[in-house]
PDB file of N, CA and C in Angstrom:
ATOM      1  N   MET A   1     103.393 129.673 199.218  1.00  0.00           N
ATOM      2  CA  MET A   1     102.908 130.388 200.364  1.00  0.00           C
ATOM      3  C   MET A   1     101.833 129.570 201.077  1.00  0.00           C
ATOM      4  N   LEU A   2     100.944 128.944 200.318  1.00  0.00           N
ATOM      5  CA  LEU A   2      99.888 128.137 200.946  1.00  0.00           C
ATOM      6  C   LEU A   2     100.469 126.937 201.680  1.00  0.00           C
ATOM      7  N   GLU A   3     101.489 126.318 201.097  1.00  0.00           N
ATOM      8  CA  GLU A   3     102.113 125.165 201.739  1.00  0.00           C
ATOM      9  C   GLU A   3     102.727 125.563 203.079  1.00  0.00           C
ATOM     10  N   SER A   4     103.396 126.684 203.094  1.00  0.00           N
ATOM     11  CA  SER A   4     103.994 127.183 204.335  1.00  0.00           C
ATOM     12  C   SER A   4     102.919 127.475 205.374  1.00  0.00           C
ATOM     13  N   LEU A   5     101.844 128.103 204.933  1.00  0.00           N
ATOM     14  CA  LEU A   5     100.743 128.421 205.839  1.00  0.00           C
ATOM     15  C   LEU A   5     100.127 127.147 206.416  1.00  0.00           C
ATOM     16  N   GLU A   6      99.973 126.138 205.583  1.00  0.00           N
ATOM     17  CA  GLU A   6      99.347 124.893 206.034  1.00  0.00           C
ATOM     18  C   GLU A   6     100.266 124.078 206.943  1.00  0.00           C
ATOM     19  N   ASN A   7     101.563 124.132 206.696  1.00  0.00           N
ATOM     20  CA  ASN A   7     102.498 123.328 207.487  1.00  0.00           C
ATOM     21  C   ASN A   7     102.839 123.946 208.836  1.00  0.00           C
ATOM     22  N   ASN A   8     102.839 125.263 208.907  1.00  0.00           N
ATOM     23  CA  ASN A   8     103.247 125.930 210.146  1.00  0.00           C
ATOM     24  C   ASN A   8     102.583 127.295 210.213  1.00  0.00           C
ATOM     25  N   TYR A   9     101.316 127.306 210.578  1.00  0.00           N
ATOM     26  CA  TYR A   9     100.530 128.532 210.550  1.00  0.00           C
ATOM     27  C   TYR A   9     101.129 129.623 211.431  1.00  0.00           C
ATOM     28  N   LEU A  10     101.519 129.289 212.646  1.00  0.00           N
ATOM     29  CA  LEU A  10     102.065 130.310 213.545  1.00  0.00           C
ATOM     30  C   LEU A  10     103.389 130.852 213.024  1.00  0.00           C
ATOM     31  N   GLY A  11     104.230 129.986 212.490  1.00  0.00           N
ATOM     32  CA  GLY A  11     105.492 130.427 211.904  1.00  0.00           C
ATOM     33  C   GLY A  11     105.254 131.303 210.681  1.00  0.00           C
ATOM     34  N   TRP A  12     104.298 130.896 209.841  1.00  0.00           N
ATOM     35  CA  TRP A  12     103.938 131.694 208.668  1.00  0.00           C
ATOM     36  C   TRP A  12     103.446 133.069 209.112  1.00  0.00           C
ATOM     37  N   SER A  13     102.602 133.099 210.133  1.00  0.00           N
ATOM     38  CA  SER A  13     102.056 134.361 210.631  1.00  0.00           C
ATOM     39  C   SER A  13     103.163 135.290 211.105  1.00  0.00           C
ATOM     40  N   ALA A  14     104.092 134.754 211.886  1.00  0.00           N
ATOM     41  CA  ALA A  14     105.180 135.560 212.434  1.00  0.00           C
ATOM     42  C   ALA A  14     106.098 136.083 211.325  1.00  0.00           C
ATOM     43  N   ALA A  15     106.304 135.280 210.288  1.00  0.00           N
ATOM     44  CA  ALA A  15     107.190 135.689 209.205  1.00  0.00           C
ATOM     45  C   ALA A  15     106.512 136.632 208.218  1.00  0.00           C
ATOM     46  N   MET A  16     105.260 136.352 207.887  1.00  0.00           N
ATOM     47  CA  MET A  16     104.594 137.101 206.829  1.00  0.00           C
ATOM     48  C   MET A  16     103.905 138.384 207.278  1.00  0.00           C
ATOM     49  N   ALA A  17     103.399 138.421 208.488  1.00  0.00           N
ATOM     50  CA  ALA A  17     102.638 139.605 208.922  1.00  0.00           C
ATOM     51  C   ALA A  17     103.445 140.897 208.789  1.00  0.00           C
ATOM     52  N   PRO A  18     104.699 140.946 209.264  1.00  0.00           N
ATOM     53  CA  PRO A  18     105.462 142.198 209.090  1.00  0.00           C
ATOM     54  C   PRO A  18     105.714 142.540 207.622  1.00  0.00           C
ATOM     55  N   VAL A  19     105.889 141.527 206.784  1.00  0.00           N
ATOM     56  CA  VAL A  19     106.111 141.756 205.354  1.00  0.00           C
ATOM     57  C   VAL A  19     104.843 142.313 204.718  1.00  0.00           C
ATOM     58  N   ILE A  20     103.708 141.701 205.042  1.00  0.00           N
ATOM     59  CA  ILE A  20     102.430 142.151 204.499  1.00  0.00           C
ATOM     60  C   ILE A  20     102.129 143.573 204.964  1.00  0.00           C
ATOM     61  N   MET A  21     102.396 143.858 206.218  1.00  0.00           N
ATOM     62  CA  MET A  21     102.101 145.175 206.777  1.00  0.00           C
ATOM     63  C   MET A  21     102.987 146.254 206.164  1.00  0.00           C
ATOM     64  N   GLY A  22     104.241 145.900 205.839  1.00  0.00           N
ATOM     65  CA  GLY A  22     105.164 146.934 205.371  1.00  0.00           C
ATOM     66  C   GLY A  22     105.571 147.799 206.553  1.00  0.00           C
ATOM     67  N   ASN A  23     105.846 149.033 206.326  1.00  0.00           N
ATOM     68  CA  ASN A  23     106.200 149.970 207.398  1.00  0.00           C
ATOM     69  C   ASN A  23     107.310 149.451 208.312  1.00  0.00           C
ATOM     70  N   PRO A  24     108.490 149.128 207.769  1.00  0.00           N
ATOM     71  CA  PRO A  24     109.571 148.621 208.620  1.00  0.00           C
ATOM     72  C   PRO A  24     109.994 149.615 209.701  1.00  0.00           C
ATOM     73  N   ASP A  25     109.672 150.887 209.496  1.00  0.00           N
ATOM     74  CA  ASP A  25     110.005 151.889 210.502  1.00  0.00           C
ATOM     75  C   ASP A  25     109.028 151.883 211.677  1.00  0.00           C
ATOM     76  N   LYS A  26     107.952 151.096 211.556  1.00  0.00           N
ATOM     77  CA  LYS A  26     106.967 150.968 212.629  1.00  0.00           C
ATOM     78  C   LYS A  26     106.715 149.486 212.904  1.00  0.00           C
ATOM     79  N   PRO A  27     107.676 148.783 213.516  1.00  0.00           N
ATOM     80  CA  PRO A  27     107.532 147.344 213.736  1.00  0.00           C
ATOM     81  C   PRO A  27     106.320 146.973 214.584  1.00  0.00           C
ATOM     82  N   GLU A  28     105.824 147.913 215.369  1.00  0.00           N
ATOM     83  CA  GLU A  28     104.651 147.613 216.194  1.00  0.00           C
ATOM     84  C   GLU A  28     103.429 147.289 215.334  1.00  0.00           C
ATOM     85  N   LEU A  29     103.360 147.824 214.105  1.00  0.00           N
ATOM     86  CA  LEU A  29     102.244 147.507 213.217  1.00  0.00           C
ATOM     87  C   LEU A  29     102.315 146.047 212.764  1.00  0.00           C
ATOM     88  N   GLY A  30     103.516 145.587 212.424  1.00  0.00           N
ATOM     89  CA  GLY A  30     103.702 144.186 212.058  1.00  0.00           C
ATOM     90  C   GLY A  30     103.402 143.265 213.223  1.00  0.00           C
ATOM     91  N   GLU A  31     103.783 143.680 214.420  1.00  0.00           N
ATOM     92  CA  GLU A  31     103.496 142.881 215.620  1.00  0.00           C
ATOM     93  C   GLU A  31     101.990 142.784 215.862  1.00  0.00           C
ATOM     94  N   GLU A  32     101.297 143.886 215.643  1.00  0.00           N
ATOM     95  CA  GLU A  32      99.836 143.883 215.834  1.00  0.00           C
ATOM     96  C   GLU A  32      99.168 142.941 214.835  1.00  0.00           C
ATOM     97  N   LEU A  33      99.621 142.954 213.576  1.00  0.00           N
ATOM     98  CA  LEU A  33      99.058 142.048 212.582  1.00  0.00           C
ATOM     99  C   LEU A  33      99.416 140.607 212.907  1.00  0.00           C
ATOM    100  N   THR A  34     100.643 140.365 213.363  1.00  0.00           N
ATOM    101  CA  THR A  34     101.047 139.013 213.778  1.00  0.00           C
ATOM    102  C   THR A  34     100.127 138.511 214.882  1.00  0.00           C
ATOM    103  N   ASN A  35      99.888 139.334 215.884  1.00  0.00           N
ATOM    104  CA  ASN A  35      98.999 138.941 216.985  1.00  0.00           C
ATOM    105  C   ASN A  35      97.594 138.641 216.479  1.00  0.00           C
ATOM    106  N   SER A  36      97.125 139.446 215.554  1.00  0.00           N
ATOM    107  CA  SER A  36      95.793 139.223 214.988  1.00  0.00           C
ATOM    108  C   SER A  36      95.751 137.879 214.246  1.00  0.00           C
ATOM    109  N   PHE A  37      96.765 137.621 213.416  1.00  0.00           N
ATOM    110  CA  PHE A  37      96.826 136.343 212.708  1.00  0.00           C
ATOM    111  C   PHE A  37      96.858 135.171 213.699  1.00  0.00           C
ATOM    112  N   CYS A  38      97.663 135.304 214.743  1.00  0.00           N
ATOM    113  CA  CYS A  38      97.846 134.206 215.694  1.00  0.00           C
ATOM    114  C   CYS A  38      96.595 133.936 216.530  1.00  0.00           C
ATOM    115  N   GLN A  39      95.700 134.900 216.609  1.00  0.00           N
ATOM    116  CA  GLN A  39      94.446 134.708 217.343  1.00  0.00           C
ATOM    117  C   GLN A  39      93.361 134.090 216.471  1.00  0.00           C
ATOM    118  N   THR A  40      93.630 133.978 215.187  1.00  0.00           N
ATOM    119  CA  THR A  40      92.667 133.413 214.253  1.00  0.00           C
ATOM    120  C   THR A  40      92.777 131.892 214.257  1.00  0.00           C
ATOM    121  N   ASP A  41      91.650 131.228 214.192  1.00  0.00           N
ATOM    122  CA  ASP A  41      91.629 129.767 214.104  1.00  0.00           C
ATOM    123  C   ASP A  41      92.393 129.358 212.840  1.00  0.00           C
ATOM    124  N   PRO A  42      93.453 128.552 212.960  1.00  0.00           N
ATOM    125  CA  PRO A  42      94.256 128.181 211.799  1.00  0.00           C
ATOM    126  C   PRO A  42      93.448 127.528 210.674  1.00  0.00           C
ATOM    127  N   GLU A  43      92.443 126.764 211.010  1.00  0.00           N
ATOM    128  CA  GLU A  43      91.638 126.114 209.971  1.00  0.00           C
ATOM    129  C   GLU A  43      90.858 127.145 209.165  1.00  0.00           C
ATOM    130  N   ILE A  44      90.320 128.133 209.845  1.00  0.00           N
ATOM    131  CA  ILE A  44      89.599 129.204 209.150  1.00  0.00           C
ATOM    132  C   ILE A  44      90.572 130.025 208.314  1.00  0.00           C
ATOM    133  N   ALA A  45      91.740 130.311 208.851  1.00  0.00           N
ATOM    134  CA  ALA A  45      92.748 131.074 208.108  1.00  0.00           C
ATOM    135  C   ALA A  45      93.177 130.325 206.851  1.00  0.00           C
ATOM    136  N   ARG A  46      93.361 129.021 206.952  1.00  0.00           N
ATOM    137  CA  ARG A  46      93.747 128.218 205.783  1.00  0.00           C
ATOM    138  C   ARG A  46      92.668 128.279 204.713  1.00  0.00           C
ATOM    139  N   HIS A  47      91.421 128.122 205.128  1.00  0.00           N
ATOM    140  CA  HIS A  47      90.307 128.165 204.179  1.00  0.00           C
ATOM    141  C   HIS A  47      90.232 129.545 203.517  1.00  0.00           C
ATOM    142  N   PHE A  48      90.341 130.595 204.321  1.00  0.00           N
ATOM    143  CA  PHE A  48      90.296 131.955 203.787  1.00  0.00           C
ATOM    144  C   PHE A  48      91.445 132.182 202.800  1.00  0.00           C
ATOM    145  N   ALA A  49      92.644 131.747 203.162  1.00  0.00           N
ATOM    146  CA  ALA A  49      93.807 131.941 202.297  1.00  0.00           C
ATOM    147  C   ALA A  49      93.630 131.207 200.969  1.00  0.00           C
ATOM    148  N   ARG A  50      93.197 129.968 201.018  1.00  0.00           N
ATOM    149  CA  ARG A  50      92.982 129.207 199.785  1.00  0.00           C
ATOM    150  C   ARG A  50      91.959 129.895 198.886  1.00  0.00           C
ATOM    151  N   THR A  51      90.855 130.301 199.495  1.00  0.00           N
ATOM    152  CA  THR A  51      89.802 130.965 198.732  1.00  0.00           C
ATOM    153  C   THR A  51      90.314 132.271 198.137  1.00  0.00           C
ATOM    154  N   THR A  52      91.005 133.049 198.937  1.00  0.00           N
ATOM    155  CA  THR A  52      91.499 134.355 198.491  1.00  0.00           C
ATOM    156  C   THR A  52      92.580 134.217 197.431  1.00  0.00           C
ATOM    157  N   PHE A  53      93.576 133.377 197.670  1.00  0.00           N
ATOM    158  CA  PHE A  53      94.716 133.294 196.773  1.00  0.00           C
ATOM    159  C   PHE A  53      94.416 132.531 195.489  1.00  0.00           C
ATOM    160  N   LEU A  54      93.428 131.647 195.508  1.00  0.00           N
ATOM    161  CA  LEU A  54      93.157 130.835 194.325  1.00  0.00           C
ATOM    162  C   LEU A  54      91.932 131.288 193.541  1.00  0.00           C
ATOM    163  N   SER A  55      91.231 132.291 194.027  1.00  0.00           N
ATOM    164  CA  SER A  55      90.048 132.806 193.315  1.00  0.00           C
ATOM    165  C   SER A  55      90.480 133.844 192.293  1.00  0.00           C
ATOM    166  N   ASN A  56      89.741 133.892 191.211  1.00  0.00           N
ATOM    167  CA  ASN A  56      89.999 134.889 190.182  1.00  0.00           C
ATOM    168  C   ASN A  56      88.657 135.338 189.619  1.00  0.00           C
ATOM    169  N   ASN A  57      88.230 136.515 190.025  1.00  0.00           N
ATOM    170  CA  ASN A  57      86.937 137.033 189.585  1.00  0.00           C
ATOM    171  C   ASN A  57      87.094 138.283 188.712  1.00  0.00           C
ATOM    172  N   ARG A  58      88.261 138.490 188.159  1.00  0.00           N
ATOM    173  CA  ARG A  58      88.486 139.687 187.357  1.00  0.00           C
ATOM    174  C   ARG A  58      87.539 139.772 186.169  1.00  0.00           C
ATOM    175  N   THR A  59      87.294 138.657 185.494  1.00  0.00           N
ATOM    176  CA  THR A  59      86.415 138.717 184.325  1.00  0.00           C
ATOM    177  C   THR A  59      84.957 138.952 184.715  1.00  0.00           C
ATOM    178  N   ASP A  60      84.601 138.689 185.966  1.00  0.00           N
ATOM    179  CA  ASP A  60      83.233 138.956 186.426  1.00  0.00           C
ATOM    180  C   ASP A  60      82.934 140.448 186.483  1.00  0.00           C
ATOM    181  N   LEU A  61      83.968 141.259 186.569  1.00  0.00           N
ATOM    182  CA  LEU A  61      83.776 142.701 186.708  1.00  0.00           C
ATOM    183  C   LEU A  61      83.010 143.299 185.538  1.00  0.00           C
ATOM    184  N   ARG A  62      83.168 142.739 184.355  1.00  0.00           N
ATOM    185  CA  ARG A  62      82.466 143.293 183.182  1.00  0.00           C
ATOM    186  C   ARG A  62      80.949 143.116 183.292  1.00  0.00           C
ATOM    187  N   ASN A  63      80.485 142.229 184.157  1.00  0.00           N
ATOM    188  CA  ASN A  63      79.052 141.989 184.317  1.00  0.00           C
ATOM    189  C   ASN A  63      78.399 142.876 185.376  1.00  0.00           C
ATOM    190  N   ILE A  64      79.196 143.652 186.073  1.00  0.00           N
ATOM    191  CA  ILE A  64      78.657 144.521 187.117  1.00  0.00           C
ATOM    192  C   ILE A  64      77.979 145.715 186.465  1.00  0.00           C
ATOM    193  N   ARG A  65      76.738 145.977 186.847  1.00  0.00           N
ATOM    194  CA  ARG A  65      75.954 147.056 186.250  1.00  0.00           C
ATOM    195  C   ARG A  65      75.866 148.287 187.148  1.00  0.00           C
ATOM    196  N   THR A  66      76.468 148.220 188.318  1.00  0.00           N
ATOM    197  CA  THR A  66      76.472 149.323 189.264  1.00  0.00           C
ATOM    198  C   THR A  66      77.819 150.021 189.192  1.00  0.00           C
ATOM    199  N   ASN A  67      77.814 151.344 189.275  1.00  0.00           N
ATOM    200  CA  ASN A  67      79.090 152.060 189.321  1.00  0.00           C
ATOM    201  C   ASN A  67      79.929 151.496 190.458  1.00  0.00           C
ATOM    202  N   THR A  68      81.164 151.162 190.143  1.00  0.00           N
ATOM    203  CA  THR A  68      82.031 150.485 191.096  1.00  0.00           C
ATOM    204  C   THR A  68      83.440 151.063 191.027  1.00  0.00           C
ATOM    205  N   LEU A  69      84.046 151.232 192.161  1.00  0.00           N
ATOM    206  CA  LEU A  69      85.428 151.687 192.233  1.00  0.00           C
ATOM    207  C   LEU A  69      86.278 150.519 192.706  1.00  0.00           C
ATOM    208  N   ILE A  70      87.237 150.130 191.896  1.00  0.00           N
ATOM    209  CA  ILE A  70      88.145 149.037 192.244  1.00  0.00           C
ATOM    210  C   ILE A  70      89.465 149.661 192.683  1.00  0.00           C
ATOM    211  N   LEU A  71      89.924 149.321 193.869  1.00  0.00           N
ATOM    212  CA  LEU A  71      91.180 149.836 194.396  1.00  0.00           C
ATOM    213  C   LEU A  71      92.214 148.728 194.451  1.00  0.00           C
ATOM    214  N   GLN A  72      93.438 149.085 194.170  1.00  0.00           N
ATOM    215  CA  GLN A  72      94.538 148.140 194.285  1.00  0.00           C
ATOM    216  C   GLN A  72      95.737 148.875 194.857  1.00  0.00           C
ATOM    217  N   CYS A  73      96.398 148.245 195.806  1.00  0.00           N
ATOM    218  CA  CYS A  73      97.595 148.845 196.397  1.00  0.00           C
ATOM    219  C   CYS A  73      98.702 148.919 195.351  1.00  0.00           C
ATOM    220  N   SER A  74      99.484 149.967 195.403  1.00  0.00           N
ATOM    221  CA  SER A  74     100.586 150.102 194.461  1.00  0.00           C
ATOM    222  C   SER A  74     101.800 149.279 194.886  1.00  0.00           C
ATOM    223  N   GLU A  75     101.884 148.934 196.167  1.00  0.00           N
ATOM    224  CA  GLU A  75     103.009 148.146 196.667  1.00  0.00           C
ATOM    225  C   GLU A  75     102.492 146.992 197.519  1.00  0.00           C
ATOM    226  N   ASP A  76     101.968 145.989 196.873  1.00  0.00           N
ATOM    227  CA  ASP A  76     101.398 144.833 197.558  1.00  0.00           C
ATOM    228  C   ASP A  76     102.336 143.642 197.349  1.00  0.00           C
ATOM    229  N   VAL A  77     102.911 143.113 198.424  1.00  0.00           N
ATOM    230  CA  VAL A  77     103.889 142.025 198.291  1.00  0.00           C
ATOM    231  C   VAL A  77     103.240 140.707 197.879  1.00  0.00           C
ATOM    232  N   ILE A  78     101.948 140.574 198.092  1.00  0.00           N
ATOM    233  CA  ILE A  78     101.268 139.328 197.727  1.00  0.00           C
ATOM    234  C   ILE A  78     100.671 139.423 196.325  1.00  0.00           C
ATOM    235  N   ALA A  79     100.097 140.560 195.984  1.00  0.00           N
ATOM    236  CA  ALA A  79      99.456 140.722 194.680  1.00  0.00           C
ATOM    237  C   ALA A  79     100.014 141.963 193.985  1.00  0.00           C
ATOM    238  N   PRO A  80     101.067 141.799 193.191  1.00  0.00           N
ATOM    239  CA  PRO A  80     101.623 142.946 192.482  1.00  0.00           C
ATOM    240  C   PRO A  80     100.636 143.500 191.448  1.00  0.00           C
ATOM    241  N   LEU A  81     100.947 144.646 190.887  1.00  0.00           N
ATOM    242  CA  LEU A  81     100.040 145.315 189.955  1.00  0.00           C
ATOM    243  C   LEU A  81      99.587 144.405 188.811  1.00  0.00           C
ATOM    244  N   GLU A  82     100.450 143.536 188.329  1.00  0.00           N
ATOM    245  CA  GLU A  82     100.111 142.647 187.211  1.00  0.00           C
ATOM    246  C   GLU A  82      98.911 141.751 187.537  1.00  0.00           C
ATOM    247  N   VAL A  83      98.749 141.425 188.793  1.00  0.00           N
ATOM    248  CA  VAL A  83      97.646 140.548 189.211  1.00  0.00           C
ATOM    249  C   VAL A  83      96.301 141.222 188.943  1.00  0.00           C
ATOM    250  N   GLY A  84      96.259 142.531 189.059  1.00  0.00           N
ATOM    251  CA  GLY A  84      95.008 143.253 188.870  1.00  0.00           C
ATOM    252  C   GLY A  84      94.604 143.453 187.431  1.00  0.00           C
ATOM    253  N   LEU A  85      95.501 143.170 186.504  1.00  0.00           N
ATOM    254  CA  LEU A  85      95.169 143.353 185.090  1.00  0.00           C
ATOM    255  C   LEU A  85      94.192 142.281 184.646  1.00  0.00           C
ATOM    256  N   CYS A  86      93.193 142.690 183.915  1.00  0.00           N
ATOM    257  CA  CYS A  86      92.183 141.750 183.423  1.00  0.00           C
ATOM    258  C   CYS A  86      92.462 141.488 181.948  1.00  0.00           C
ATOM    259  N   LYS A  87      93.025 140.347 181.668  1.00  0.00           N
ATOM    260  CA  LYS A  87      93.354 139.988 180.282  1.00  0.00           C
ATOM    261  C   LYS A  87      92.220 139.150 179.722  1.00  0.00           C
ATOM    262  N   GLU A  88      91.766 139.508 178.564  1.00  0.00           N
ATOM    263  CA  GLU A  88      90.657 138.792 177.919  1.00  0.00           C
ATOM    264  C   GLU A  88      91.145 137.458 177.392  1.00  0.00           C
TER     265      GLU A  88
END
């Protein structure tokens, strides 16, 4: 996914935004996300994607001393439920 994003950011945006958005019955939502992606500076988007997709802070959660609610989507095409599991 990162290679595709780096090689053709606008093409990646057009292909992935509707998939990420879901809601195939409302294509206007995917179009809105595509437009948002396409208005983003590609260099910033690449940096954000690398940081987001390659970071793993799950084990840091045990050090949090404040009550915290962690939410995870049940149908996330990029990060399925297994990604949220914190294995020791």
